[in-house]
């Protein structure tokens, strides 16, 4: 029983790393061309500013 419970940590990190890899892999392809790299970086910065200001407004 405890050996199975101990495996949940490795399952969690495996799913976490797989999700991160799946999310970051397409962005790597967009960063190869200069024009799409600038647009991708601008979109990521805009997303960060949007989420940051939304959370700040929600928390007061």
N, C-alpha and C. Protein backbone atom coordinates (compact mmCIF):
# COMPACT_ATOMS: atom_id res chain seq x y z
N UNK A 1 0.82 -1.20 0.00
CA UNK A 1 0.00 0.00 0.00
C UNK A 1 0.86 1.26 0.00
N UNK A 2 1.85 1.31 0.90
CA UNK A 2 2.66 2.53 1.01
C UNK A 2 3.55 2.73 -0.20
N UNK A 3 3.95 1.66 -0.84
CA UNK A 3 4.77 1.84 -2.05
C UNK A 3 3.93 2.46 -3.17
N UNK A 4 2.66 2.09 -3.24
CA UNK A 4 1.78 2.71 -4.23
C UNK A 4 1.51 4.17 -3.90
N UNK A 5 1.33 4.48 -2.62
CA UNK A 5 1.11 5.87 -2.21
C UNK A 5 2.36 6.69 -2.50
N UNK A 6 3.53 6.11 -2.31
CA UNK A 6 4.79 6.81 -2.58
C UNK A 6 4.98 7.14 -4.05
N UNK A 7 4.32 6.41 -4.92
CA UNK A 7 4.46 6.66 -6.36
C UNK A 7 3.67 7.88 -6.82
N UNK A 8 2.73 8.35 -6.03
CA UNK A 8 1.93 9.50 -6.45
C UNK A 8 2.79 10.73 -6.69
N UNK A 9 3.86 10.88 -5.93
CA UNK A 9 4.77 12.01 -6.15
C UNK A 9 5.40 11.97 -7.52
N UNK A 10 5.86 10.79 -7.93
CA UNK A 10 6.47 10.68 -9.25
C UNK A 10 5.42 10.84 -10.35
N UNK A 11 4.21 10.36 -10.13
CA UNK A 11 3.15 10.56 -11.11
C UNK A 11 2.84 12.04 -11.26
N UNK A 12 2.78 12.75 -10.14
CA UNK A 12 2.48 14.18 -10.16
C UNK A 12 3.53 14.94 -10.97
N UNK A 13 4.81 14.69 -10.67
CA UNK A 13 5.87 15.40 -11.39
C UNK A 13 5.92 14.99 -12.85
N UNK A 14 5.61 13.75 -13.15
CA UNK A 14 5.59 13.29 -14.53
C UNK A 14 4.51 14.01 -15.33
N UNK A 15 3.32 14.13 -14.76
CA UNK A 15 2.23 14.83 -15.43
C UNK A 15 2.55 16.32 -15.54
N UNK A 16 3.12 16.90 -14.50
CA UNK A 16 3.48 18.31 -14.51
C UNK A 16 4.51 18.62 -15.59
N UNK A 17 5.56 17.82 -15.68
CA UNK A 17 6.59 18.05 -16.69
C UNK A 17 6.06 17.78 -18.10
N UNK A 18 5.22 16.78 -18.26
CA UNK A 18 4.64 16.51 -19.57
C UNK A 18 3.74 17.63 -20.04
N UNK A 19 2.97 18.20 -19.13
CA UNK A 19 2.11 19.33 -19.48
C UNK A 19 2.94 20.55 -19.84
N UNK A 20 3.99 20.82 -19.07
CA UNK A 20 4.85 21.96 -19.36
C UNK A 20 5.54 21.78 -20.71
N UNK A 21 6.02 20.59 -21.00
CA UNK A 21 6.68 20.32 -22.28
C UNK A 21 5.71 20.50 -23.44
N UNK A 22 4.49 20.00 -23.28
CA UNK A 22 3.49 20.13 -24.33
C UNK A 22 3.10 21.58 -24.56
N UNK A 23 3.11 22.39 -23.51
CA UNK A 23 2.75 23.80 -23.64
C UNK A 23 3.89 24.62 -24.24
N UNK A 24 5.15 24.28 -23.94
CA UNK A 24 6.29 25.08 -24.37
C UNK A 24 6.79 24.68 -25.76
N UNK A 25 6.58 23.47 -26.16
CA UNK A 25 7.10 22.98 -27.45
C UNK A 25 6.62 23.81 -28.64
N UNK A 26 5.35 24.16 -28.79
CA UNK A 26 4.94 24.98 -29.94
C UNK A 26 5.53 26.39 -29.90
N UNK A 27 5.78 26.92 -28.71
CA UNK A 27 6.35 28.26 -28.61
C UNK A 27 7.78 28.25 -29.13
N UNK A 28 8.50 27.16 -28.92
CA UNK A 28 9.86 27.05 -29.45
C UNK A 28 9.90 27.14 -30.96
N UNK A 29 8.91 26.57 -31.62
CA UNK A 29 8.83 26.68 -33.08
C UNK A 29 8.55 28.09 -33.55
N UNK A 30 7.78 28.83 -32.77
CA UNK A 30 7.48 30.22 -33.14
C UNK A 30 8.66 31.15 -32.94
N UNK A 31 9.58 30.79 -32.08
CA UNK A 31 10.72 31.67 -31.80
C UNK A 31 11.85 31.54 -32.82
N UNK A 32 11.71 30.69 -33.80
CA UNK A 32 12.77 30.50 -34.79
C UNK A 32 12.80 31.60 -35.84
N UNK A 33 11.64 32.13 -36.19
CA UNK A 33 11.57 33.21 -37.18
C UNK A 33 11.50 34.54 -36.45
N UNK A 34 12.24 35.55 -36.91
CA UNK A 34 12.30 36.82 -36.17
C UNK A 34 10.95 37.52 -36.01
N UNK A 35 10.15 37.55 -37.05
CA UNK A 35 8.87 38.26 -36.97
C UNK A 35 7.93 37.56 -36.00
N UNK A 36 7.82 36.25 -36.13
CA UNK A 36 6.93 35.53 -35.22
C UNK A 36 7.49 35.51 -33.80
N UNK A 37 8.82 35.60 -33.66
CA UNK A 37 9.42 35.66 -32.32
C UNK A 37 9.03 36.95 -31.62
N UNK A 38 9.08 38.06 -32.33
CA UNK A 38 8.70 39.35 -31.74
C UNK A 38 7.23 39.34 -31.35
N UNK A 39 6.38 38.82 -32.23
CA UNK A 39 4.95 38.76 -31.93
C UNK A 39 4.66 37.81 -30.76
N UNK A 40 5.37 36.70 -30.70
CA UNK A 40 5.17 35.75 -29.61
C UNK A 40 5.59 36.35 -28.27
N UNK A 41 6.73 37.02 -28.25
CA UNK A 41 7.20 37.64 -27.01
C UNK A 41 6.26 38.76 -26.59
N UNK A 42 5.79 39.55 -27.56
CA UNK A 42 4.84 40.62 -27.25
C UNK A 42 3.53 40.04 -26.70
N UNK A 43 3.07 38.94 -27.27
CA UNK A 43 1.85 38.31 -26.79
C UNK A 43 2.03 37.75 -25.37
N UNK A 44 3.18 37.16 -25.09
CA UNK A 44 3.44 36.63 -23.75
C UNK A 44 3.53 37.75 -22.72
N UNK A 45 4.17 38.86 -23.09
CA UNK A 45 4.24 40.01 -22.18
C UNK A 45 2.84 40.59 -21.96
N UNK A 46 2.06 40.71 -23.02
CA UNK A 46 0.69 41.20 -22.89
C UNK A 46 -0.16 40.30 -22.02
N UNK A 47 0.00 39.00 -22.18
CA UNK A 47 -0.74 38.05 -21.35
C UNK A 47 -0.35 38.19 -19.88
N UNK A 48 0.94 38.36 -19.63
CA UNK A 48 1.40 38.55 -18.24
C UNK A 48 0.83 39.82 -17.64
N UNK A 49 0.85 40.92 -18.39
CA UNK A 49 0.32 42.19 -17.89
C UNK A 49 -1.18 42.07 -17.63
N UNK A 50 -1.90 41.42 -18.53
CA UNK A 50 -3.34 41.24 -18.37
C UNK A 50 -3.67 40.43 -17.12
N UNK A 51 -3.00 39.29 -16.95
CA UNK A 51 -3.26 38.44 -15.79
C UNK A 51 -2.85 39.15 -14.51
N UNK A 52 -1.71 39.83 -14.54
CA UNK A 52 -1.24 40.54 -13.36
C UNK A 52 -2.20 41.64 -12.94
N UNK A 53 -2.67 42.43 -13.90
CA UNK A 53 -3.60 43.51 -13.55
C UNK A 53 -4.96 42.96 -13.11
N UNK A 54 -5.39 41.86 -13.69
CA UNK A 54 -6.65 41.24 -13.29
C UNK A 54 -6.57 40.73 -11.85
N UNK A 55 -5.49 40.05 -11.52
CA UNK A 55 -5.33 39.53 -10.16
C UNK A 55 -5.20 40.67 -9.16
N UNK A 56 -4.48 41.72 -9.54
CA UNK A 56 -4.35 42.88 -8.65
C UNK A 56 -5.70 43.54 -8.41
N UNK A 57 -6.51 43.66 -9.45
CA UNK A 57 -7.83 44.25 -9.30
C UNK A 57 -8.75 43.36 -8.45
N UNK A 58 -8.61 42.06 -8.58
CA UNK A 58 -9.44 41.16 -7.80
C UNK A 58 -9.06 41.18 -6.32
N UNK A 59 -7.77 41.31 -6.03
CA UNK A 59 -7.32 41.28 -4.64
C UNK A 59 -7.37 42.64 -3.97
N UNK A 60 -7.49 43.68 -4.76
CA UNK A 60 -7.65 45.02 -4.20
C UNK A 60 -6.41 45.73 -3.88
